[in-house]
Amino acid sequence: MGVLRRREKAVTPEQFRDLISTLTVRVQDKPLDGQLEIELNQAIPPGGEIYESVFGACRGAIEAGWMCKHEAQGIRYGRVIKPGAETHGFSVDVVEMHDLEGPHHRHPMGEIDMVMPLTPGAQFDGRGAGWVVYAPGSAHRPTVTHGRALVLYLLPEGKIEFTGA
């Protein structure tokens, strides 16, 4: 017998942008560092209203077909919001990964990640549900282990550099 999933309410790209702006307003003037990661995990924890609203909106948008509509090397992905005033200069990308390692990239201005496990126990870069913040100049090969997960990336000015490393 398969796992029963409730159907998520579909949101429009505009509704999703408005929801995300409630997150980006909180981080717009803060340094992207370990302190911000602690603050986000305390203020917007997994199971909390905002976290679950974003998670549900992502699942609904994927079901509606406008989010994660591209696929390469087993990764479903897409930039769903370009950087702009509505999102306080952040772009938003969402990826769905299942037990794999993604392409190496550098964060010129940093990166804020919201980790949303689709499989209980799934991890992103060794971390479970919640927030991960990478400082400006950091780099990594994003990796999901122990199942499937969605990861929402907030990138200042949309800046990311794929290195091929």
N, C-alpha and C. Protein backbone atom coordinates (compact mmCIF):
# COMPACT_ATOMS: atom_id res chain seq x y z
N MET A 1 0.85 -1.18 0.00
CA MET A 1 0.00 0.00 0.00
C MET A 1 0.89 1.23 0.00
N GLY A 2 0.62 2.19 -0.87
CA GLY A 2 1.42 3.40 -0.98
C GLY A 2 1.13 4.39 0.14
N VAL A 3 1.98 5.37 0.21
CA VAL A 3 1.80 6.42 1.20
C VAL A 3 0.72 7.38 0.72
N LEU A 4 -0.24 7.66 1.56
CA LEU A 4 -1.29 8.61 1.21
C LEU A 4 -0.77 10.02 1.41
N ARG A 5 -0.96 10.86 0.40
CA ARG A 5 -0.54 12.26 0.50
C ARG A 5 -1.75 13.13 0.26
N ARG A 6 -1.88 14.14 1.07
CA ARG A 6 -2.98 15.07 0.83
C ARG A 6 -2.60 15.98 -0.32
N ARG A 7 -3.58 16.37 -1.06
CA ARG A 7 -3.34 17.27 -2.19
C ARG A 7 -3.13 18.67 -1.63
N GLU A 8 -2.04 19.29 -2.05
CA GLU A 8 -1.73 20.64 -1.60
C GLU A 8 -2.53 21.66 -2.39
N LYS A 9 -2.84 22.74 -1.74
CA LYS A 9 -3.53 23.84 -2.41
C LYS A 9 -2.55 24.50 -3.38
N ALA A 10 -2.96 24.62 -4.63
CA ALA A 10 -2.11 25.26 -5.62
C ALA A 10 -2.04 26.76 -5.34
N VAL A 11 -0.85 27.29 -5.45
CA VAL A 11 -0.65 28.73 -5.32
C VAL A 11 -0.14 29.25 -6.65
N THR A 12 -0.42 30.51 -6.91
CA THR A 12 0.10 31.13 -8.12
C THR A 12 1.52 31.61 -7.86
N PRO A 13 2.28 31.87 -8.92
CA PRO A 13 3.62 32.43 -8.71
C PRO A 13 3.57 33.75 -7.92
N GLU A 14 2.56 34.55 -8.13
CA GLU A 14 2.44 35.82 -7.41
C GLU A 14 2.17 35.59 -5.93
N GLN A 15 1.30 34.63 -5.61
CA GLN A 15 1.04 34.31 -4.21
C GLN A 15 2.28 33.76 -3.53
N PHE A 16 3.03 32.95 -4.26
CA PHE A 16 4.27 32.41 -3.71
C PHE A 16 5.27 33.53 -3.45
N ARG A 17 5.41 34.45 -4.38
CA ARG A 17 6.32 35.60 -4.19
C ARG A 17 5.92 36.39 -2.95
N ASP A 18 4.63 36.62 -2.76
CA ASP A 18 4.17 37.36 -1.58
C ASP A 18 4.52 36.61 -0.29
N LEU A 19 4.37 35.29 -0.30
CA LEU A 19 4.72 34.48 0.86
C LEU A 19 6.22 34.57 1.14
N ILE A 20 7.02 34.45 0.10
CA ILE A 20 8.48 34.50 0.26
C ILE A 20 8.93 35.87 0.74
N SER A 21 8.22 36.92 0.35
CA SER A 21 8.62 38.26 0.80
C SER A 21 8.51 38.39 2.32
N THR A 22 7.66 37.58 2.95
CA THR A 22 7.58 37.61 4.42
C THR A 22 8.85 37.01 5.05
N LEU A 23 9.58 36.20 4.28
CA LEU A 23 10.86 35.66 4.74
C LEU A 23 12.00 36.64 4.43
N THR A 24 12.02 37.13 3.19
CA THR A 24 13.15 37.96 2.78
C THR A 24 13.21 39.28 3.52
N VAL A 25 12.07 39.80 3.96
CA VAL A 25 12.08 41.04 4.73
C VAL A 25 12.83 40.83 6.05
N ARG A 26 12.81 39.61 6.58
CA ARG A 26 13.48 39.29 7.84
C ARG A 26 15.00 39.23 7.71
N VAL A 27 15.49 38.95 6.50
CA VAL A 27 16.93 38.71 6.31
C VAL A 27 17.62 39.76 5.46
N GLN A 28 16.86 40.71 4.94
CA GLN A 28 17.40 41.63 3.94
C GLN A 28 18.63 42.40 4.36
N ASP A 29 18.76 42.78 5.60
CA ASP A 29 19.89 43.60 6.04
C ASP A 29 20.82 42.87 6.99
N LYS A 30 20.71 41.56 7.04
CA LYS A 30 21.50 40.80 8.00
C LYS A 30 22.67 40.11 7.30
N PRO A 31 23.79 39.97 8.02
CA PRO A 31 24.90 39.20 7.45
C PRO A 31 24.51 37.74 7.31
N LEU A 32 24.94 37.12 6.23
CA LEU A 32 24.68 35.70 6.03
C LEU A 32 25.77 34.93 6.74
N ASP A 33 25.44 34.44 7.94
CA ASP A 33 26.42 33.77 8.79
C ASP A 33 25.71 32.80 9.73
N GLY A 34 26.48 32.21 10.61
CA GLY A 34 25.94 31.24 11.56
C GLY A 34 24.89 31.81 12.49
N GLN A 35 25.01 33.08 12.84
CA GLN A 35 24.02 33.71 13.72
C GLN A 35 22.66 33.78 13.02
N LEU A 36 22.66 34.11 11.73
CA LEU A 36 21.40 34.16 10.98
C LEU A 36 20.78 32.77 10.91
N GLU A 37 21.60 31.75 10.74
CA GLU A 37 21.09 30.38 10.70
C GLU A 37 20.39 30.03 12.02
N ILE A 38 21.00 30.40 13.13
CA ILE A 38 20.38 30.16 14.44
C ILE A 38 19.06 30.91 14.55
N GLU A 39 19.07 32.18 14.16
CA GLU A 39 17.85 33.00 14.24
C GLU A 39 16.71 32.41 13.41
N LEU A 40 17.02 31.98 12.18
CA LEU A 40 15.98 31.42 11.31
C LEU A 40 15.43 30.12 11.88
N ASN A 41 16.31 29.26 12.39
CA ASN A 41 15.84 27.99 12.95
C ASN A 41 15.00 28.19 14.21
N GLN A 42 15.23 29.28 14.94
CA GLN A 42 14.42 29.57 16.11
C GLN A 42 13.11 30.27 15.73
N ALA A 43 13.17 31.22 14.80
CA ALA A 43 12.00 32.03 14.47
C ALA A 43 11.05 31.34 13.49
N ILE A 44 11.60 30.49 12.61
CA ILE A 44 10.80 29.84 11.57
C ILE A 44 11.15 28.35 11.55
N PRO A 45 10.82 27.64 12.61
CA PRO A 45 11.22 26.24 12.72
C PRO A 45 10.33 25.30 11.91
N PRO A 46 10.88 24.12 11.57
CA PRO A 46 10.03 23.08 10.98
C PRO A 46 8.86 22.81 11.91
N GLY A 47 7.68 22.67 11.34
CA GLY A 47 6.47 22.47 12.13
C GLY A 47 5.76 23.76 12.46
N GLY A 48 6.48 24.89 12.35
CA GLY A 48 5.86 26.18 12.60
C GLY A 48 5.02 26.64 11.42
N GLU A 49 4.17 27.62 11.66
CA GLU A 49 3.21 28.07 10.65
C GLU A 49 3.87 28.56 9.36
N ILE A 50 4.88 29.39 9.47
CA ILE A 50 5.50 29.95 8.26
C ILE A 50 6.23 28.86 7.48
N TYR A 51 7.04 28.07 8.18
CA TYR A 51 7.78 26.98 7.53
C TYR A 51 6.81 26.05 6.79
N GLU A 52 5.77 25.62 7.47
CA GLU A 52 4.82 24.69 6.87
C GLU A 52 4.03 25.33 5.72
N SER A 53 3.77 26.63 5.80
CA SER A 53 3.10 27.33 4.70
C SER A 53 3.96 27.33 3.45
N VAL A 54 5.25 27.61 3.63
CA VAL A 54 6.17 27.61 2.48
C VAL A 54 6.32 26.20 1.93
N PHE A 55 6.48 25.21 2.79
CA PHE A 55 6.62 23.82 2.38
C PHE A 55 5.38 23.38 1.59
N GLY A 56 4.21 23.66 2.11
CA GLY A 56 2.97 23.31 1.41
C GLY A 56 2.83 24.03 0.09
N ALA A 57 3.22 25.30 0.05
CA ALA A 57 3.14 26.07 -1.19
C ALA A 57 4.09 25.48 -2.24
N CYS A 58 5.27 25.05 -1.82
CA CYS A 58 6.20 24.42 -2.76
C CYS A 58 5.62 23.12 -3.31
N ARG A 59 5.09 22.28 -2.44
CA ARG A 59 4.49 21.02 -2.92
C ARG A 59 3.33 21.30 -3.87
N GLY A 60 2.49 22.28 -3.53
CA GLY A 60 1.36 22.62 -4.40
C GLY A 60 1.81 23.16 -5.74
N ALA A 61 2.85 23.99 -5.75
CA ALA A 61 3.36 24.56 -7.00
C ALA A 61 4.00 23.49 -7.88
N ILE A 62 4.65 22.51 -7.25
CA ILE A 62 5.22 21.40 -8.03
C ILE A 62 4.09 20.58 -8.65
N GLU A 63 3.04 20.30 -7.85
CA GLU A 63 1.89 19.57 -8.38
C GLU A 63 1.21 20.34 -9.51
N ALA A 64 1.19 21.68 -9.40
CA ALA A 64 0.58 22.52 -10.43
C ALA A 64 1.45 22.62 -11.68
N GLY A 65 2.73 22.25 -11.56
CA GLY A 65 3.60 22.18 -12.72
C GLY A 65 4.46 23.40 -13.00
N TRP A 66 4.40 24.43 -12.17
CA TRP A 66 5.21 25.61 -12.49
C TRP A 66 6.48 25.71 -11.65
N MET A 67 6.65 24.86 -10.67
CA MET A 67 7.87 24.85 -9.86
C MET A 67 8.61 23.55 -10.11
N CYS A 68 9.95 23.62 -10.13
CA CYS A 68 10.80 22.44 -10.39
C CYS A 68 10.43 21.80 -11.72
N LYS A 69 10.22 22.63 -12.72
CA LYS A 69 9.76 22.11 -14.02
C LYS A 69 10.90 21.67 -14.94
N HIS A 70 12.14 21.89 -14.54
CA HIS A 70 13.30 21.43 -15.31
C HIS A 70 13.90 20.23 -14.61
N GLU A 71 14.59 19.40 -15.40
CA GLU A 71 15.26 18.25 -14.79
C GLU A 71 16.56 17.98 -15.52
N ALA A 72 17.61 17.72 -14.75
CA ALA A 72 18.91 17.34 -15.30
C ALA A 72 19.63 16.50 -14.27
N GLN A 73 20.20 15.41 -14.71
CA GLN A 73 21.01 14.53 -13.86
C GLN A 73 20.28 14.14 -12.57
N GLY A 74 18.98 13.91 -12.67
CA GLY A 74 18.19 13.47 -11.52
C GLY A 74 17.74 14.57 -10.58
N ILE A 75 18.04 15.82 -10.92
CA ILE A 75 17.64 16.95 -10.08
C ILE A 75 16.51 17.70 -10.79
N ARG A 76 15.41 17.88 -10.08
CA ARG A 76 14.33 18.75 -10.58
C ARG A 76 14.60 20.12 -9.98
N TYR A 77 14.49 21.17 -10.80
CA TYR A 77 14.91 22.48 -10.32
C TYR A 77 14.24 23.61 -11.10
N GLY A 78 14.46 24.81 -10.63
CA GLY A 78 14.03 25.99 -11.36
C GLY A 78 14.14 27.25 -10.52
N ARG A 79 14.47 28.34 -11.19
CA ARG A 79 14.43 29.65 -10.53
C ARG A 79 13.00 30.12 -10.64
N VAL A 80 12.35 30.29 -9.50
CA VAL A 80 10.94 30.66 -9.52
C VAL A 80 10.72 32.15 -9.30
N ILE A 81 11.73 32.83 -8.76
CA ILE A 81 11.63 34.28 -8.58
C ILE A 81 12.99 34.90 -8.88
N LYS A 82 13.01 35.86 -9.77
CA LYS A 82 14.23 36.61 -10.03
C LYS A 82 14.41 37.64 -8.92
N PRO A 83 15.65 38.06 -8.67
CA PRO A 83 15.85 39.06 -7.61
C PRO A 83 15.13 40.36 -7.97
N GLY A 84 14.50 40.95 -6.98
CA GLY A 84 13.77 42.19 -7.21
C GLY A 84 13.34 42.82 -5.91
N ALA A 85 12.71 43.97 -6.03
CA ALA A 85 12.28 44.73 -4.85
C ALA A 85 11.28 43.94 -4.00
N GLU A 86 10.40 43.16 -4.65
CA GLU A 86 9.37 42.42 -3.91
C GLU A 86 9.97 41.39 -2.97
N THR A 87 11.16 40.88 -3.32
CA THR A 87 11.83 39.88 -2.48
C THR A 87 13.13 40.45 -1.89
N HIS A 88 13.18 41.76 -1.78
CA HIS A 88 14.28 42.44 -1.09
C HIS A 88 15.64 42.08 -1.68
N GLY A 89 15.67 41.91 -3.01
CA GLY A 89 16.92 41.64 -3.72
C GLY A 89 17.33 40.19 -3.79
N PHE A 90 16.52 39.28 -3.26
CA PHE A 90 16.85 37.85 -3.31
C PHE A 90 16.15 37.18 -4.48
N SER A 91 16.84 36.23 -5.11
CA SER A 91 16.19 35.32 -6.04
C SER A 91 15.77 34.09 -5.24
N VAL A 92 14.88 33.30 -5.83
CA VAL A 92 14.43 32.06 -5.18
C VAL A 92 14.51 30.94 -6.20
N ASP A 93 15.26 29.92 -5.83
CA ASP A 93 15.34 28.69 -6.61
C ASP A 93 14.83 27.57 -5.72
N VAL A 94 14.18 26.57 -6.32
CA VAL A 94 13.75 25.40 -5.57
C VAL A 94 14.24 24.17 -6.33
N VAL A 95 14.82 23.23 -5.60
CA VAL A 95 15.28 21.98 -6.20
C VAL A 95 14.68 20.81 -5.45
N GLU A 96 14.51 19.71 -6.16
CA GLU A 96 14.11 18.45 -5.55
C GLU A 96 15.20 17.44 -5.88
N MET A 97 15.77 16.85 -4.85
CA MET A 97 16.87 15.90 -5.03
C MET A 97 16.57 14.63 -4.25
N HIS A 98 17.07 13.51 -4.76
CA HIS A 98 16.87 12.22 -4.12
C HIS A 98 18.19 11.47 -4.08
N ASP A 99 18.81 11.43 -2.90
CA ASP A 99 20.05 10.68 -2.70
C ASP A 99 21.08 10.94 -3.79
N LEU A 100 21.46 12.18 -3.94
CA LEU A 100 22.49 12.49 -4.93
C LEU A 100 23.22 13.77 -4.60
N GLU A 101 24.32 13.95 -5.33
CA GLU A 101 25.18 15.10 -5.16
C GLU A 101 24.98 16.01 -6.37
N GLY A 102 24.78 17.29 -6.12
CA GLY A 102 24.57 18.25 -7.20
C GLY A 102 25.87 18.90 -7.64
N PRO A 103 25.77 19.83 -8.58
CA PRO A 103 26.97 20.47 -9.14
C PRO A 103 27.62 21.45 -8.15
N HIS A 104 28.95 21.43 -8.14
CA HIS A 104 29.71 22.31 -7.25
C HIS A 104 29.45 23.76 -7.65
N HIS A 105 29.23 24.60 -6.65
CA HIS A 105 29.04 26.02 -6.92
C HIS A 105 29.51 26.86 -5.75
N ARG A 106 29.72 28.14 -6.06
CA ARG A 106 30.21 29.12 -5.10
C ARG A 106 29.12 30.15 -4.87
N HIS A 107 29.10 30.70 -3.65
CA HIS A 107 28.11 31.71 -3.27
C HIS A 107 28.82 33.05 -3.11
N PRO A 108 28.89 33.87 -4.15
CA PRO A 108 29.61 35.14 -4.04
C PRO A 108 29.10 36.03 -2.91
N MET A 109 27.77 36.01 -2.68
CA MET A 109 27.17 36.86 -1.64
C MET A 109 26.51 36.05 -0.53
N GLY A 110 26.70 34.73 -0.57
CA GLY A 110 26.10 33.85 0.42
C GLY A 110 24.85 33.17 -0.12
N GLU A 111 24.29 32.30 0.71
CA GLU A 111 23.11 31.53 0.32
C GLU A 111 22.36 31.15 1.58
N ILE A 112 21.03 31.25 1.53
CA ILE A 112 20.17 30.83 2.63
C ILE A 112 19.31 29.70 2.10
N ASP A 113 19.34 28.55 2.78
CA ASP A 113 18.62 27.36 2.32
C ASP A 113 17.57 26.93 3.32
N MET A 114 16.38 26.67 2.82
CA MET A 114 15.32 26.08 3.62
C MET A 114 15.22 24.62 3.20
N VAL A 115 15.52 23.72 4.12
CA VAL A 115 15.55 22.28 3.84
C VAL A 115 14.21 21.68 4.23
N MET A 116 13.57 21.00 3.25
CA MET A 116 12.23 20.43 3.45
C MET A 116 12.25 18.95 3.05
N PRO A 117 12.50 18.05 4.00
CA PRO A 117 12.54 16.62 3.67
C PRO A 117 11.18 16.11 3.17
N LEU A 118 11.20 15.42 2.05
CA LEU A 118 10.01 14.74 1.54
C LEU A 118 9.96 13.31 2.06
N THR A 119 11.13 12.77 2.40
CA THR A 119 11.26 11.46 3.02
C THR A 119 11.70 11.71 4.46
N PRO A 120 11.00 11.12 5.44
CA PRO A 120 11.45 11.31 6.82
C PRO A 120 12.93 10.94 6.96
N GLY A 121 13.68 11.83 7.57
CA GLY A 121 15.10 11.58 7.78
C GLY A 121 16.01 12.04 6.66
N ALA A 122 15.44 12.51 5.54
CA ALA A 122 16.29 13.01 4.46
C ALA A 122 17.09 14.21 4.95
N GLN A 123 18.32 14.32 4.45
CA GLN A 123 19.21 15.40 4.86
C GLN A 123 19.79 16.12 3.65
N PHE A 124 20.07 17.39 3.85
CA PHE A 124 20.75 18.21 2.85
C PHE A 124 22.07 18.64 3.47
N ASP A 125 23.16 18.28 2.84
CA ASP A 125 24.50 18.59 3.36
C ASP A 125 24.63 18.18 4.83
N GLY A 126 24.05 17.02 5.15
CA GLY A 126 24.15 16.48 6.50
C GLY A 126 23.20 17.09 7.51
N ARG A 127 22.27 17.91 7.04
CA ARG A 127 21.33 18.59 7.95
C ARG A 127 19.90 18.21 7.58
N GLY A 128 19.06 18.07 8.60
CA GLY A 128 17.66 17.75 8.40
C GLY A 128 16.82 18.99 8.16
N ALA A 129 15.54 18.88 8.42
CA ALA A 129 14.59 19.98 8.20
C ALA A 129 15.05 21.24 8.92
N GLY A 130 14.90 22.36 8.25
CA GLY A 130 15.25 23.65 8.84
C GLY A 130 16.05 24.51 7.89
N TRP A 131 16.91 25.33 8.47
CA TRP A 131 17.64 26.35 7.72
C TRP A 131 19.14 26.12 7.77
N VAL A 132 19.79 26.38 6.64
CA VAL A 132 21.24 26.34 6.53
C VAL A 132 21.66 27.64 5.86
N VAL A 133 22.65 28.31 6.42
CA VAL A 133 23.14 29.57 5.85
C VAL A 133 24.61 29.42 5.49
N TYR A 134 24.94 29.75 4.25
CA TYR A 134 26.32 29.74 3.78
C TYR A 134 26.78 31.18 3.62
N ALA A 135 27.97 31.47 4.15
CA ALA A 135 28.53 32.81 4.13
C ALA A 135 28.99 33.21 2.73
N PRO A 136 29.11 34.51 2.47
CA PRO A 136 29.66 34.97 1.20
C PRO A 136 31.03 34.34 0.94
N GLY A 137 31.22 33.90 -0.30
CA GLY A 137 32.48 33.29 -0.70
C GLY A 137 32.57 31.80 -0.46
N SER A 138 31.59 31.22 0.23
CA SER A 138 31.60 29.78 0.49
C SER A 138 31.25 29.01 -0.78
N ALA A 139 31.53 27.72 -0.75
CA ALA A 139 31.23 26.86 -1.90
C ALA A 139 30.91 25.46 -1.39
N HIS A 140 30.17 24.72 -2.18
CA HIS A 140 29.86 23.33 -1.82
C HIS A 140 29.30 22.59 -3.01
N ARG A 141 29.17 21.30 -2.81
CA ARG A 141 28.50 20.41 -3.76
C ARG A 141 27.24 19.96 -3.02
N PRO A 142 26.08 20.57 -3.30
CA PRO A 142 24.87 20.26 -2.53
C PRO A 142 24.52 18.78 -2.63
N THR A 143 24.25 18.18 -1.47
CA THR A 143 24.05 16.74 -1.43
C THR A 143 22.85 16.40 -0.57
N VAL A 144 21.96 15.59 -1.12
CA VAL A 144 20.83 15.06 -0.36
C VAL A 144 21.08 13.57 -0.13
N THR A 145 20.93 13.17 1.13
CA THR A 145 21.10 11.77 1.51
C THR A 145 19.88 11.30 2.29
N HIS A 146 19.71 10.00 2.38
CA HIS A 146 18.65 9.36 3.16
C HIS A 146 17.25 9.65 2.62
N GLY A 147 17.12 9.85 1.32
CA GLY A 147 15.79 10.05 0.75
C GLY A 147 15.69 11.28 -0.14
N ARG A 148 14.48 11.80 -0.22
CA ARG A 148 14.17 12.96 -1.08
C ARG A 148 13.95 14.19 -0.24
N ALA A 149 14.36 15.33 -0.80
CA ALA A 149 14.14 16.60 -0.13
C ALA A 149 13.96 17.71 -1.14
N LEU A 150 13.20 18.71 -0.74
CA LEU A 150 13.14 19.98 -1.45
C LEU A 150 14.07 20.93 -0.73
N VAL A 151 14.76 21.77 -1.49
CA VAL A 151 15.59 22.81 -0.90
C VAL A 151 15.26 24.11 -1.62
N LEU A 152 14.88 25.12 -0.83
CA LEU A 152 14.60 26.45 -1.35
C LEU A 152 15.84 27.29 -1.09
N TYR A 153 16.38 27.88 -2.16
CA TYR A 153 17.60 28.70 -2.07
C TYR A 153 17.24 30.17 -2.21
N LEU A 154 17.64 30.98 -1.24
CA LEU A 154 17.56 32.43 -1.35
C LEU A 154 18.97 32.92 -1.66
N LEU A 155 19.12 33.58 -2.81
CA LEU A 155 20.43 34.07 -3.24
C LEU A 155 20.40 35.59 -3.37
N PRO A 156 21.25 36.30 -2.60
CA PRO A 156 21.31 37.76 -2.75
C PRO A 156 21.67 38.14 -4.18
N GLU A 157 20.85 38.99 -4.78
CA GLU A 157 21.02 39.44 -6.16
C GLU A 157 21.03 38.29 -7.16
N GLY A 158 20.61 37.10 -6.73
CA GLY A 158 20.57 35.94 -7.61
C GLY A 158 21.93 35.40 -7.98
N LYS A 159 22.95 35.77 -7.24
CA LYS A 159 24.32 35.41 -7.63
C LYS A 159 24.72 34.02 -7.15
N ILE A 160 25.19 33.24 -8.13
CA ILE A 160 25.71 31.90 -7.90
C ILE A 160 26.71 31.64 -9.02
N GLU A 161 27.78 30.93 -8.71
CA GLU A 161 28.79 30.61 -9.72
C GLU A 161 29.02 29.10 -9.73
N PHE A 162 28.62 28.47 -10.82
CA PHE A 162 28.87 27.04 -10.97
C PHE A 162 30.33 26.88 -11.40
N THR A 163 31.07 26.06 -10.68
CA THR A 163 32.52 26.01 -10.85
C THR A 163 33.00 24.85 -11.70
N GLY A 164 32.21 23.81 -11.82
CA GLY A 164 32.67 22.64 -12.56
C GLY A 164 33.68 21.80 -11.79
N ALA A 165 33.94 22.15 -10.54
CA ALA A 165 34.92 21.42 -9.73
C ALA A 165 34.38 20.07 -9.32
